[in-house]
């Protein structure tokens, strides 16, 4: 039975019930729903997905069982024709199974829109491989986010460079990005975002607390040692005996002070 098969793969009873119930809504008889789900499970296993991958995809996007194995197979073939290897496709779709709900026309159109912004196709494919959620964003969102980043003072080429280095930036709100840039501007290190865009992934609360702590012990942060603000928690705790939580509580982020410093 399909339920026993799914339990063996690692699904919980709740997940199984959600999947089978959701697709009973399609007015398929229970036996047909079970057959459809069984075919999909076999397809994913045969392609190379692990049991853990299948369970993860099903939890993130149970709607994948609303498609046939043929439909999914055609989507995978499309991704292969774009240049992705099997291991990349498995990695991309297990973290973002919503890709299977997108039409090939939708994906092609998105690539064309981003090429129009100045990206090379090789860069786009690389970004999507590392952060496949880009494909689920609307074209309007992408264009607006791109222009908003330019509005922060970056050039078109610099925005492309930053987003290639850190494709996850597409998931950050502009308020989040702006707040961080304001702080890094205030201490004179925002230019390094172009070199190490991943700096934007650290919370501004932690960056501020680290900076204020260094100031309190007489250590000046400049272009030579700015990475000390971003060192790993374990290393920082070993050196100074303080956790990230300790620092944030000791030096709560003060946006007003940052803005004052920028105006000076």
Protein backbone atom coordinates (compact mmCIF):
# COMPACT_ATOMS: atom_id res chain seq x y z
CA UNK A 1 0.00 0.00 0.00
CA UNK A 2 1.06 3.56 -0.70
CA UNK A 3 0.83 4.56 2.99
CA UNK A 4 3.22 1.79 4.03
CA UNK A 5 5.58 2.76 1.22
CA UNK A 6 5.60 6.39 2.32
CA UNK A 7 6.11 5.50 5.97
CA UNK A 8 9.10 3.39 4.95
CA UNK A 9 10.60 6.36 3.07
CA UNK A 10 10.37 8.50 6.18
CA UNK A 11 7.09 10.40 5.82
CA UNK A 12 5.09 11.07 8.97
CA UNK A 13 1.44 10.06 9.13
CA UNK A 14 0.50 13.74 9.16
CA UNK A 15 2.46 14.41 5.95
CA UNK A 16 0.92 11.40 4.26
CA UNK A 17 -2.57 12.49 5.25
CA UNK A 18 -1.90 16.03 3.96
CA UNK A 19 -0.67 14.79 0.59
CA UNK A 20 -3.39 12.21 0.02
CA UNK A 21 -6.15 14.49 1.30
CA UNK A 22 -4.99 17.47 -0.76
CA UNK A 23 -5.21 15.49 -3.95
CA UNK A 24 -8.51 13.90 -3.17
CA UNK A 25 -9.68 17.49 -3.77
CA UNK A 26 -8.80 16.92 -7.42
CA UNK A 27 -11.83 14.62 -7.45
CA UNK A 28 -9.69 11.61 -8.12
CA UNK A 29 -10.73 8.40 -6.47
CA UNK A 30 -8.53 7.43 -3.53
CA UNK A 31 -7.08 4.54 -5.52
CA UNK A 32 -6.10 6.94 -8.32
CA UNK A 33 -4.53 9.40 -5.89
CA UNK A 34 -2.49 6.57 -4.37
CA UNK A 35 -1.43 5.42 -7.84
CA UNK A 36 -0.36 8.94 -8.82
CA UNK A 37 1.66 9.45 -5.64
CA UNK A 38 3.24 6.00 -6.01
CA UNK A 39 4.35 6.77 -9.56
CA UNK A 40 5.90 10.04 -8.44
CA UNK A 41 7.78 8.38 -5.60
CA UNK A 42 9.16 5.75 -7.96
CA UNK A 43 10.16 8.42 -10.48
CA UNK A 44 12.10 10.47 -7.94
CA UNK A 45 13.84 7.38 -6.56
CA UNK A 46 14.82 6.18 -10.03
CA UNK A 47 16.17 9.60 -11.01
CA UNK A 48 18.50 9.70 -8.03
CA UNK A 49 16.71 11.50 -5.19
CA UNK A 50 17.34 10.02 -1.74
CA UNK A 51 14.48 9.11 0.60
CA UNK A 52 15.38 12.19 2.65
CA UNK A 53 15.27 14.40 -0.48
CA UNK A 54 11.80 13.12 -1.40
CA UNK A 55 10.41 13.70 2.08
CA UNK A 56 11.90 17.21 2.18
CA UNK A 57 10.42 18.14 -1.20
CA UNK A 58 7.06 16.75 -0.22
CA UNK A 59 7.02 18.76 2.99
CA UNK A 60 8.04 22.00 1.27
CA UNK A 61 5.71 21.62 -1.67
CA UNK A 62 3.21 18.73 -1.48
CA UNK A 63 1.59 20.12 -4.62
CA UNK A 64 4.21 18.27 -6.68
CA UNK A 65 1.91 15.26 -6.47
CA UNK A 66 -0.61 17.18 -8.52
CA UNK A 67 1.65 16.61 -11.53
CA UNK A 68 2.33 13.43 -13.43
CA UNK A 69 5.69 11.71 -13.62
CA UNK A 70 5.72 12.63 -17.32
CA UNK A 71 5.27 16.32 -16.50
CA UNK A 72 8.08 16.26 -13.93
CA UNK A 73 10.30 14.32 -16.32
CA UNK A 74 9.81 16.97 -19.02
CA UNK A 75 10.69 19.74 -16.53
CA UNK A 76 13.88 17.93 -15.55
CA UNK A 77 14.79 17.45 -19.21
CA UNK A 78 14.30 21.18 -19.72
CA UNK A 79 16.69 21.93 -16.84
CA UNK A 80 19.21 19.47 -18.28
CA UNK A 81 18.99 21.23 -21.63
CA UNK A 82 19.76 24.52 -19.91
CA UNK A 83 23.05 22.94 -18.90
CA UNK A 84 22.42 21.65 -15.38
CA UNK A 85 23.87 18.29 -14.33
CA UNK A 86 21.71 15.74 -12.54
CA UNK A 87 23.35 16.46 -9.17
CA UNK A 88 22.59 20.19 -9.60
CA UNK A 89 18.97 19.54 -10.53
CA UNK A 90 18.45 17.33 -7.49
CA UNK A 91 20.07 19.93 -5.24
CA UNK A 92 18.03 22.78 -6.72
CA UNK A 93 14.65 21.07 -6.69
CA UNK A 94 14.97 19.50 -3.26
CA UNK A 95 15.54 22.97 -1.76
CA UNK A 96 12.99 24.63 -4.03
CA UNK A 97 10.52 22.03 -5.37
CA UNK A 98 8.24 24.92 -6.41
CA UNK A 99 10.34 24.90 -9.60
CA UNK A 100 8.23 21.96 -10.75
CA UNK A 101 5.14 24.18 -10.70
CA UNK A 102 6.69 26.70 -13.10
CA UNK A 103 6.15 26.45 -16.82
CA UNK A 104 9.18 26.35 -19.10
CA UNK A 105 7.85 29.56 -20.69
CA UNK A 106 7.89 31.24 -17.28
CA UNK A 107 11.52 30.25 -16.67
CA UNK A 108 12.66 31.27 -20.15
CA UNK A 109 10.91 34.63 -19.80
CA UNK A 110 12.58 35.24 -16.43
CA UNK A 111 16.01 34.49 -17.89
CA UNK A 112 15.31 36.93 -20.74
CA UNK A 113 14.24 39.66 -18.32
CA UNK A 114 17.41 39.22 -16.27
CA UNK A 115 19.57 39.14 -19.38
CA UNK A 116 17.97 42.47 -20.23
CA UNK A 117 19.29 43.82 -16.92
CA UNK A 118 22.82 42.96 -18.03
CA UNK A 119 23.43 39.42 -16.75
CA UNK A 120 25.21 36.84 -18.87
CA UNK A 121 23.38 33.52 -19.18
CA UNK A 122 26.30 31.70 -17.53
CA UNK A 123 26.04 33.98 -14.51
CA UNK A 124 22.28 33.51 -14.32
CA UNK A 125 22.52 29.73 -14.38
CA UNK A 126 25.17 29.85 -11.67
CA UNK A 127 23.07 32.15 -9.47
CA UNK A 128 20.01 29.96 -9.88
CA UNK A 129 21.99 26.82 -9.09
CA UNK A 130 23.08 28.38 -5.78
CA UNK A 131 19.74 30.02 -5.00
CA UNK A 132 16.97 28.41 -7.12
CA UNK A 133 14.28 30.43 -5.32
CA UNK A 134 15.09 33.19 -7.82
CA UNK A 135 12.94 31.33 -10.33
CA UNK A 136 9.86 31.70 -8.11
CA UNK A 137 10.15 35.50 -7.97
CA UNK A 138 8.04 37.62 -10.27
CA UNK A 139 9.71 39.56 -13.07
CA UNK A 140 8.35 42.77 -11.56
CA UNK A 141 9.93 41.96 -8.18
CA UNK A 142 13.31 41.23 -9.79
CA UNK A 143 13.37 44.43 -11.84
CA UNK A 144 12.24 46.54 -8.86
CA UNK A 145 14.81 45.00 -6.52
CA UNK A 146 17.55 45.55 -9.11
CA UNK A 147 16.57 49.21 -9.47
CA UNK A 148 16.26 49.64 -5.70
CA UNK A 149 19.84 48.41 -5.29
CA UNK A 150 20.98 50.94 -7.88
CA UNK A 151 19.09 53.51 -5.81
CA UNK A 152 21.44 52.78 -2.90
CA UNK A 153 24.27 54.25 -4.94
CA UNK A 154 25.55 51.20 -6.79
CA UNK A 155 26.06 51.13 -10.55
CA UNK A 156 24.36 48.60 -12.81
CA UNK A 157 27.58 46.58 -13.02
CA UNK A 158 28.07 46.70 -9.25
CA UNK A 159 24.56 45.39 -8.60
CA UNK A 160 25.23 42.54 -11.01
CA UNK A 161 28.52 41.81 -9.25
CA UNK A 162 26.92 41.83 -5.78
CA UNK A 163 23.99 39.61 -6.76
CA UNK A 164 26.25 37.13 -8.53
CA UNK A 165 28.41 36.88 -5.43
CA UNK A 166 25.38 36.66 -3.13
CA UNK A 167 22.25 35.46 -4.97
CA UNK A 168 20.49 35.16 -1.58
CA UNK A 169 20.29 38.96 -1.62
CA UNK A 170 17.14 38.56 -3.73
CA UNK A 171 15.40 37.22 -0.61
CA UNK A 172 16.46 40.12 1.64
CA UNK A 173 14.11 43.07 2.06
CA UNK A 174 15.32 46.47 0.94
CA UNK A 175 14.87 47.69 4.52
CA UNK A 176 17.26 44.97 5.67
CA UNK A 177 19.84 45.81 3.00
CA UNK A 178 19.51 49.58 3.45
CA UNK A 179 19.93 49.36 7.22
CA UNK A 180 23.11 47.32 6.86
CA UNK A 181 24.56 49.61 4.20
CA UNK A 182 23.83 52.67 6.35
CA UNK A 183 25.76 51.14 9.23
CA UNK A 184 28.71 50.04 7.07
CA UNK A 185 28.74 53.52 5.49
CA UNK A 186 28.92 55.06 8.95
CA UNK A 187 32.07 53.11 9.83
CA UNK A 188 33.65 53.39 6.38
CA UNK A 189 33.57 49.79 5.19
CA UNK A 190 30.55 49.64 2.84
CA UNK A 191 32.82 49.52 -0.23
CA UNK A 192 33.91 46.03 0.81
CA UNK A 193 30.41 44.72 0.11
CA UNK A 194 31.48 44.65 -3.54
CA UNK A 195 34.35 42.34 -2.63
CA UNK A 196 32.59 40.21 -0.01
CA UNK A 197 28.84 40.47 -0.62
CA UNK A 198 28.21 37.69 1.89
CA UNK A 199 28.85 40.30 4.62
CA UNK A 200 25.24 41.34 4.03
CA UNK A 201 24.02 38.05 5.49
CA UNK A 202 25.17 38.93 9.01
CA UNK A 203 22.57 40.78 11.05
CA UNK A 204 23.16 44.49 11.55
CA UNK A 205 22.47 43.98 15.27
CA UNK A 206 25.49 41.67 15.56
CA UNK A 207 27.74 43.81 13.36
CA UNK A 208 26.89 46.89 15.41
CA UNK A 209 27.45 45.09 18.73
CA UNK A 210 30.81 43.71 17.56
CA UNK A 211 31.88 47.17 16.41
CA UNK A 212 30.86 48.82 19.68
CA UNK A 213 32.65 46.13 21.66
CA UNK A 214 35.90 46.72 19.75
CA UNK A 215 35.52 50.45 20.35
CA UNK A 216 35.12 49.77 24.08
CA UNK A 217 38.46 47.94 24.24
CA UNK A 218 40.27 50.58 22.20
CA UNK A 219 40.41 48.67 18.95
CA UNK A 220 39.84 50.72 15.80
CA UNK A 221 38.12 49.01 12.88
CA UNK A 222 39.38 50.03 9.45
CA UNK A 223 40.04 48.63 5.97
CA UNK A 224 42.81 46.41 7.31
CA UNK A 225 40.87 44.55 9.97
CA UNK A 226 37.15 45.04 9.15
CA UNK A 227 36.67 41.28 8.81
CA UNK A 228 37.07 41.01 12.59
CA UNK A 229 33.46 42.20 12.78
CA UNK A 230 32.44 39.13 10.81
CA UNK A 231 34.57 36.42 12.43
CA UNK A 232 32.86 33.17 13.46
CA UNK A 233 31.07 33.08 16.79
CA UNK A 234 33.25 30.26 18.15
CA UNK A 235 36.47 32.16 17.38
CA UNK A 236 35.11 35.40 18.82
CA UNK A 237 33.96 33.67 21.98
CA UNK A 238 37.35 31.99 22.36
CA UNK A 239 39.16 35.33 21.99
CA UNK A 240 36.87 37.50 24.10
CA UNK A 241 34.68 35.18 26.15
CA UNK A 242 31.43 36.70 24.89
CA UNK A 243 28.66 35.10 22.84
CA UNK A 244 26.74 36.90 20.10
CA UNK A 245 23.75 37.06 22.43
CA UNK A 246 25.88 38.65 25.16
CA UNK A 247 27.09 41.35 22.79
CA UNK A 248 23.69 42.18 21.33
CA UNK A 249 22.26 42.58 24.82
CA UNK A 250 25.24 44.69 25.91
CA UNK A 251 25.19 46.93 22.81
CA UNK A 252 21.62 47.07 21.41
CA UNK A 253 21.47 48.43 17.88
CA UNK A 254 20.89 52.19 17.82
CA UNK A 255 19.80 53.42 14.39
CA UNK A 256 19.66 57.06 15.51
CA UNK A 257 23.34 56.98 16.45
CA UNK A 258 24.19 55.49 13.07
CA UNK A 259 22.32 58.21 11.20
CA UNK A 260 24.03 60.90 13.27
CA UNK A 261 27.42 59.43 12.46
CA UNK A 262 26.60 59.38 8.73
CA UNK A 263 25.66 63.08 8.78
CA UNK A 264 28.95 64.15 10.37
